[in-house]
Amino acid sequence: MKKLTAISLLLFANLVHAECTMTQYNRLANEAVLGPVTDLVTYFSPGQCRVKYNITYNGIQQSIDKTYQGDGNITTACQKAINLGRDEMTYKFGGEFKQETALKCSDGDKPEIKPLKIGAHIMEAEAPTVPNGDGYFEHNHARCRLFREHYDQNGKFRTAHGVICELDNNDWLVVDKW
């Protein structure tokens, strides 16, 4: 029993001594997909237009009821009411965010942030997306995407581009970099 207690204390001491960092990655996983306006019904009254319509948002049909008041012509007022409904829908639901968390422990110095290397196994969010990129594509039956990272190399700001491909649900491989 005394040996078990001593071993437990030694293990606990090693765990307390270890430096652990939790890294959390958040990114916008996809943009919202808005379909066309359908079943449009308009109601006119002096200086305003009320519209009721259906719209498909990320594959789910939504009903919109919006009114716009203005001094312009009725066609412009109705188009602005439609646009207000679409904008409100986009703001309300937004896109889909993905979050990944990694806990890394070391017995000494804190690990420094290094650029990604070809062949590295990473979480998808460790490879920043390319703004206005094409999203995912298929290569050799694997789902892949482009990434762009910024890092410091000997005091100089560097930018690198590359490709990562999914190996399984949460494991990605850096397959190319330039």
C-alpha atoms as a PDB file:
ATOM      1  CA  MET A   1       0.000   0.000   0.000  1.00  0.00           C
ATOM      2  CA  LYS A   2       2.862   2.389   0.850  1.00  0.00           C
ATOM      3  CA  LYS A   3       4.490   1.647  -2.541  1.00  0.00           C
ATOM      4  CA  LEU A   4       1.227   2.420  -4.342  1.00  0.00           C
ATOM      5  CA  THR A   5       0.904   5.744  -2.503  1.00  0.00           C
ATOM      6  CA  ALA A   6       4.536   6.674  -3.270  1.00  0.00           C
ATOM      7  CA  ILE A   7       4.114   5.823  -6.977  1.00  0.00           C
ATOM      8  CA  SER A   8       0.880   7.852  -7.120  1.00  0.00           C
ATOM      9  CA  LEU A   9       2.623  10.856  -5.561  1.00  0.00           C
ATOM     10  CA  LEU A  10       5.511  10.632  -8.064  1.00  0.00           C
ATOM     11  CA  LEU A  11       3.122  10.448 -11.014  1.00  0.00           C
ATOM     12  CA  PHE A  12       1.113  13.388  -9.667  1.00  0.00           C
ATOM     13  CA  ALA A  13       4.294  15.433  -9.173  1.00  0.00           C
ATOM     14  CA  ASN A  14       5.293  14.808 -12.807  1.00  0.00           C
ATOM     15  CA  LEU A  15       1.866  15.881 -14.036  1.00  0.00           C
ATOM     16  CA  VAL A  16       1.962  19.060 -11.951  1.00  0.00           C
ATOM     17  CA  HIS A  17       5.423  19.874 -13.316  1.00  0.00           C
ATOM     18  CA  ALA A  18       4.327  19.434 -16.955  1.00  0.00           C
ATOM     19  CA  GLU A  19       3.513  22.579 -18.933  1.00  0.00           C
ATOM     20  CA  CYS A  20       0.177  22.201 -20.689  1.00  0.00           C
ATOM     21  CA  THR A  21      -1.344  24.529 -23.238  1.00  0.00           C
ATOM     22  CA  MET A  22      -4.814  24.364 -24.666  1.00  0.00           C
ATOM     23  CA  THR A  23      -5.182  25.605 -28.201  1.00  0.00           C
ATOM     24  CA  GLN A  24      -8.588  26.378 -29.603  1.00  0.00           C
ATOM     25  CA  TYR A  25      -9.255  26.917 -33.291  1.00  0.00           C
ATOM     26  CA  ASN A  26     -12.447  28.529 -34.609  1.00  0.00           C
ATOM     27  CA  ARG A  27     -13.319  29.037 -38.229  1.00  0.00           C
ATOM     28  CA  LEU A  28     -16.275  29.593 -40.488  1.00  0.00           C
ATOM     29  CA  ALA A  29     -16.928  26.135 -41.929  1.00  0.00           C
ATOM     30  CA  ASN A  30     -19.279  27.219 -44.685  1.00  0.00           C
ATOM     31  CA  GLU A  31     -21.130  30.171 -46.041  1.00  0.00           C
ATOM     32  CA  ALA A  32     -24.911  30.343 -45.903  1.00  0.00           C
ATOM     33  CA  VAL A  33     -26.683  29.131 -49.053  1.00  0.00           C
ATOM     34  CA  LEU A  34     -29.732  31.210 -49.978  1.00  0.00           C
ATOM     35  CA  GLY A  35     -32.172  30.040 -52.607  1.00  0.00           C
ATOM     36  CA  PRO A  36     -34.435  32.181 -54.825  1.00  0.00           C
ATOM     37  CA  VAL A  37     -37.541  33.980 -53.590  1.00  0.00           C
ATOM     38  CA  THR A  38     -40.692  31.882 -54.205  1.00  0.00           C
ATOM     39  CA  ASP A  39     -44.430  32.357 -53.594  1.00  0.00           C
ATOM     40  CA  LEU A  40     -44.083  36.151 -53.510  1.00  0.00           C
ATOM     41  CA  VAL A  41     -47.191  38.085 -52.407  1.00  0.00           C
ATOM     42  CA  THR A  42     -47.079  41.898 -52.280  1.00  0.00           C
ATOM     43  CA  TYR A  43     -49.393  44.323 -50.459  1.00  0.00           C
ATOM     44  CA  PHE A  44     -49.346  47.989 -51.439  1.00  0.00           C
ATOM     45  CA  SER A  45     -50.428  50.967 -49.394  1.00  0.00           C
ATOM     46  CA  PRO A  46     -49.459  54.640 -49.651  1.00  0.00           C
ATOM     47  CA  GLY A  47     -45.693  54.959 -49.163  1.00  0.00           C
ATOM     48  CA  GLN A  48     -45.044  51.326 -48.248  1.00  0.00           C
ATOM     49  CA  CYS A  49     -44.837  47.772 -49.561  1.00  0.00           C
ATOM     50  CA  ARG A  50     -45.342  44.609 -47.543  1.00  0.00           C
ATOM     51  CA  VAL A  51     -44.007  41.323 -48.950  1.00  0.00           C
ATOM     52  CA  LYS A  52     -44.557  37.725 -47.929  1.00  0.00           C
ATOM     53  CA  TYR A  53     -42.446  35.047 -49.551  1.00  0.00           C
ATOM     54  CA  ASN A  54     -40.647  31.758 -49.041  1.00  0.00           C
ATOM     55  CA  ILE A  55     -36.928  31.243 -49.384  1.00  0.00           C
ATOM     56  CA  THR A  56     -34.714  28.187 -48.975  1.00  0.00           C
ATOM     57  CA  TYR A  57     -31.904  28.817 -46.496  1.00  0.00           C
ATOM     58  CA  ASN A  58     -29.251  26.068 -46.139  1.00  0.00           C
ATOM     59  CA  GLY A  59     -31.776  23.570 -47.498  1.00  0.00           C
ATOM     60  CA  ILE A  60     -34.614  24.557 -45.120  1.00  0.00           C
ATOM     61  CA  GLN A  61     -37.595  26.548 -46.371  1.00  0.00           C
ATOM     62  CA  GLN A  62     -38.273  29.747 -44.416  1.00  0.00           C
ATOM     63  CA  SER A  63     -41.232  32.144 -44.594  1.00  0.00           C
ATOM     64  CA  ILE A  64     -40.533  35.880 -44.619  1.00  0.00           C
ATOM     65  CA  ASP A  65     -42.952  38.754 -43.908  1.00  0.00           C
ATOM     66  CA  LYS A  66     -41.319  42.186 -44.309  1.00  0.00           C
ATOM     67  CA  THR A  67     -42.509  45.776 -44.804  1.00  0.00           C
ATOM     68  CA  TYR A  68     -40.545  48.694 -46.236  1.00  0.00           C
ATOM     69  CA  GLN A  69     -41.668  52.304 -45.985  1.00  0.00           C
ATOM     70  CA  GLY A  70     -40.246  54.895 -48.314  1.00  0.00           C
ATOM     71  CA  ASP A  71     -40.950  57.824 -50.602  1.00  0.00           C
ATOM     72  CA  GLY A  72     -39.818  56.052 -53.812  1.00  0.00           C
ATOM     73  CA  ASN A  73     -41.869  54.084 -56.274  1.00  0.00           C
ATOM     74  CA  ILE A  74     -43.672  50.922 -55.227  1.00  0.00           C
ATOM     75  CA  THR A  75     -41.396  48.558 -57.207  1.00  0.00           C
ATOM     76  CA  THR A  76     -38.302  49.900 -55.437  1.00  0.00           C
ATOM     77  CA  ALA A  77     -40.015  49.710 -52.049  1.00  0.00           C
ATOM     78  CA  CYS A  78     -41.002  46.056 -52.636  1.00  0.00           C
ATOM     79  CA  GLN A  79     -37.475  45.115 -53.763  1.00  0.00           C
ATOM     80  CA  LYS A  80     -36.048  46.778 -50.649  1.00  0.00           C
ATOM     81  CA  ALA A  81     -38.507  44.831 -48.463  1.00  0.00           C
ATOM     82  CA  ILE A  82     -37.375  41.571 -50.119  1.00  0.00           C
ATOM     83  CA  ASN A  83     -33.717  42.514 -49.607  1.00  0.00           C
ATOM     84  CA  LEU A  84     -34.349  43.415 -45.942  1.00  0.00           C
ATOM     85  CA  GLY A  85     -35.857  39.967 -45.361  1.00  0.00           C
ATOM     86  CA  ARG A  86     -32.919  38.210 -47.031  1.00  0.00           C
ATOM     87  CA  ASP A  87     -30.370  40.299 -45.097  1.00  0.00           C
ATOM     88  CA  GLU A  88     -32.141  39.662 -41.799  1.00  0.00           C
ATOM     89  CA  MET A  89     -32.159  35.913 -42.500  1.00  0.00           C
ATOM     90  CA  THR A  90     -28.433  35.916 -43.264  1.00  0.00           C
ATOM     91  CA  TYR A  91     -27.674  37.916 -40.113  1.00  0.00           C
ATOM     92  CA  LYS A  92     -29.921  35.764 -37.920  1.00  0.00           C
ATOM     93  CA  PHE A  93     -28.561  32.392 -38.985  1.00  0.00           C
ATOM     94  CA  GLY A  94     -25.106  33.234 -40.362  1.00  0.00           C
ATOM     95  CA  GLY A  95     -22.838  30.414 -41.437  1.00  0.00           C
ATOM     96  CA  GLU A  96     -21.735  27.285 -39.641  1.00  0.00           C
ATOM     97  CA  PHE A  97     -18.760  27.583 -37.308  1.00  0.00           C
ATOM     98  CA  LYS A  98     -16.419  24.737 -36.508  1.00  0.00           C
ATOM     99  CA  GLN A  99     -14.382  24.580 -33.328  1.00  0.00           C
ATOM    100  CA  GLU A 100     -11.480  22.270 -32.516  1.00  0.00           C
ATOM    101  CA  THR A 101      -9.506  22.074 -29.295  1.00  0.00           C
ATOM    102  CA  ALA A 102      -6.108  20.512 -28.650  1.00  0.00           C
ATOM    103  CA  LEU A 103      -4.391  20.003 -25.294  1.00  0.00           C
ATOM    104  CA  LYS A 104      -0.605  19.669 -25.545  1.00  0.00           C
ATOM    105  CA  CYS A 105       1.656  19.042 -22.568  1.00  0.00           C
ATOM    106  CA  SER A 106       5.445  19.192 -22.344  1.00  0.00           C
ATOM    107  CA  ASP A 107       7.952  18.748 -19.551  1.00  0.00           C
ATOM    108  CA  GLY A 108       9.855  21.947 -20.108  1.00  0.00           C
ATOM    109  CA  ASP A 109       9.923  24.920 -22.390  1.00  0.00           C
ATOM    110  CA  LYS A 110       6.749  26.007 -24.111  1.00  0.00           C
ATOM    111  CA  PRO A 111       6.666  24.773 -27.699  1.00  0.00           C
ATOM    112  CA  GLU A 112       7.208  27.497 -30.256  1.00  0.00           C
ATOM    113  CA  ILE A 113       4.771  27.986 -33.107  1.00  0.00           C
ATOM    114  CA  LYS A 114       6.324  26.619 -36.279  1.00  0.00           C
ATOM    115  CA  PRO A 115       5.085  26.685 -39.865  1.00  0.00           C
ATOM    116  CA  LEU A 116       3.270  23.604 -41.121  1.00  0.00           C
ATOM    117  CA  LYS A 117       5.429  20.979 -42.799  1.00  0.00           C
ATOM    118  CA  ILE A 118       4.545  18.594 -45.606  1.00  0.00           C
ATOM    119  CA  GLY A 119       3.548  15.251 -44.081  1.00  0.00           C
ATOM    120  CA  ALA A 120       2.357  16.742 -40.775  1.00  0.00           C
ATOM    121  CA  HIS A 121      -0.882  15.398 -39.271  1.00  0.00           C
ATOM    122  CA  ILE A 122      -2.964  18.348 -38.053  1.00  0.00           C
ATOM    123  CA  MET A 123      -6.455  19.458 -37.111  1.00  0.00           C
ATOM    124  CA  GLU A 124      -8.168  21.164 -40.032  1.00  0.00           C
ATOM    125  CA  ALA A 125      -8.406  24.516 -38.276  1.00  0.00           C
ATOM    126  CA  GLU A 126      -4.615  24.663 -37.782  1.00  0.00           C
ATOM    127  CA  ALA A 127      -4.364  25.466 -41.496  1.00  0.00           C
ATOM    128  CA  PRO A 128      -5.986  28.873 -42.040  1.00  0.00           C
ATOM    129  CA  THR A 129      -8.386  29.064 -44.977  1.00  0.00           C
ATOM    130  CA  VAL A 130      -7.654  31.143 -48.040  1.00  0.00           C
ATOM    131  CA  PRO A 131      -9.927  34.207 -48.132  1.00  0.00           C
ATOM    132  CA  ASN A 132     -12.378  33.908 -51.034  1.00  0.00           C
ATOM    133  CA  GLY A 133     -10.999  30.431 -51.698  1.00  0.00           C
ATOM    134  CA  ASP A 134     -12.828  27.803 -53.695  1.00  0.00           C
ATOM    135  CA  GLY A 135     -13.535  25.691 -50.596  1.00  0.00           C
ATOM    136  CA  TYR A 136     -13.149  21.934 -50.722  1.00  0.00           C
ATOM    137  CA  PHE A 137     -12.168  19.850 -53.731  1.00  0.00           C
ATOM    138  CA  GLU A 138     -11.549  16.151 -54.314  1.00  0.00           C
ATOM    139  CA  HIS A 139      -8.103  14.762 -55.091  1.00  0.00           C
ATOM    140  CA  ASN A 140      -7.350  11.021 -55.268  1.00  0.00           C
ATOM    141  CA  HIS A 141     -10.707  10.293 -53.576  1.00  0.00           C
ATOM    142  CA  ALA A 142      -9.866  12.534 -50.612  1.00  0.00           C
ATOM    143  CA  ARG A 143     -11.514  15.803 -49.563  1.00  0.00           C
ATOM    144  CA  CYS A 144      -8.909  18.587 -49.721  1.00  0.00           C
ATOM    145  CA  ARG A 145      -8.674  22.365 -49.447  1.00  0.00           C
ATOM    146  CA  LEU A 146      -6.129  25.161 -49.844  1.00  0.00           C
ATOM    147  CA  PHE A 147      -4.575  26.983 -46.903  1.00  0.00           C
ATOM    148  CA  ARG A 148      -2.497  30.106 -46.373  1.00  0.00           C
ATOM    149  CA  GLU A 149      -0.355  30.673 -43.300  1.00  0.00           C
ATOM    150  CA  HIS A 150       1.698  33.601 -42.082  1.00  0.00           C
ATOM    151  CA  TYR A 151       4.749  33.095 -39.896  1.00  0.00           C
ATOM    152  CA  ASP A 152       7.979  34.702 -38.741  1.00  0.00           C
ATOM    153  CA  GLN A 153      11.279  33.426 -40.135  1.00  0.00           C
ATOM    154  CA  ASN A 154      14.407  35.052 -38.728  1.00  0.00           C
ATOM    155  CA  GLY A 155      12.503  38.268 -38.041  1.00  0.00           C
ATOM    156  CA  LYS A 156      10.923  38.417 -41.504  1.00  0.00           C
ATOM    157  CA  PHE A 157       7.217  38.045 -42.202  1.00  0.00           C
ATOM    158  CA  ARG A 158       6.538  35.092 -44.512  1.00  0.00           C
ATOM    159  CA  THR A 159       3.418  33.781 -46.263  1.00  0.00           C
ATOM    160  CA  ALA A 160       3.040  30.203 -47.447  1.00  0.00           C
ATOM    161  CA  HIS A 161       0.288  28.451 -49.391  1.00  0.00           C
ATOM    162  CA  GLY A 162      -0.504  24.765 -49.386  1.00  0.00           C
ATOM    163  CA  VAL A 163      -2.979  21.910 -49.598  1.00  0.00           C
ATOM    164  CA  ILE A 164      -4.355  19.730 -46.800  1.00  0.00           C
ATOM    165  CA  CYS A 165      -6.427  16.558 -47.273  1.00  0.00           C
ATOM    166  CA  GLU A 166      -8.691  14.757 -44.824  1.00  0.00           C
ATOM    167  CA  LEU A 167      -7.555  11.315 -43.701  1.00  0.00           C
ATOM    168  CA  ASP A 168     -10.489  10.640 -41.403  1.00  0.00           C
ATOM    169  CA  ASN A 169     -13.053  12.671 -39.460  1.00  0.00           C
ATOM    170  CA  ASN A 170     -10.599  14.869 -37.500  1.00  0.00           C
ATOM    171  CA  ASP A 171      -7.178  14.080 -38.956  1.00  0.00           C
ATOM    172  CA  TRP A 172      -5.758  16.093 -41.872  1.00  0.00           C
ATOM    173  CA  LEU A 173      -2.474  15.725 -43.731  1.00  0.00           C
ATOM    174  CA  VAL A 174      -0.376  18.557 -45.183  1.00  0.00           C
ATOM    175  CA  VAL A 175       0.225  17.235 -48.711  1.00  0.00           C
ATOM    176  CA  ASP A 176       1.842  20.239 -50.442  1.00  0.00           C
ATOM    177  CA  LYS A 177       3.230  23.650 -49.598  1.00  0.00           C
ATOM    178  CA  TRP A 178       4.802  26.474 -51.559  1.00  0.00           C
END
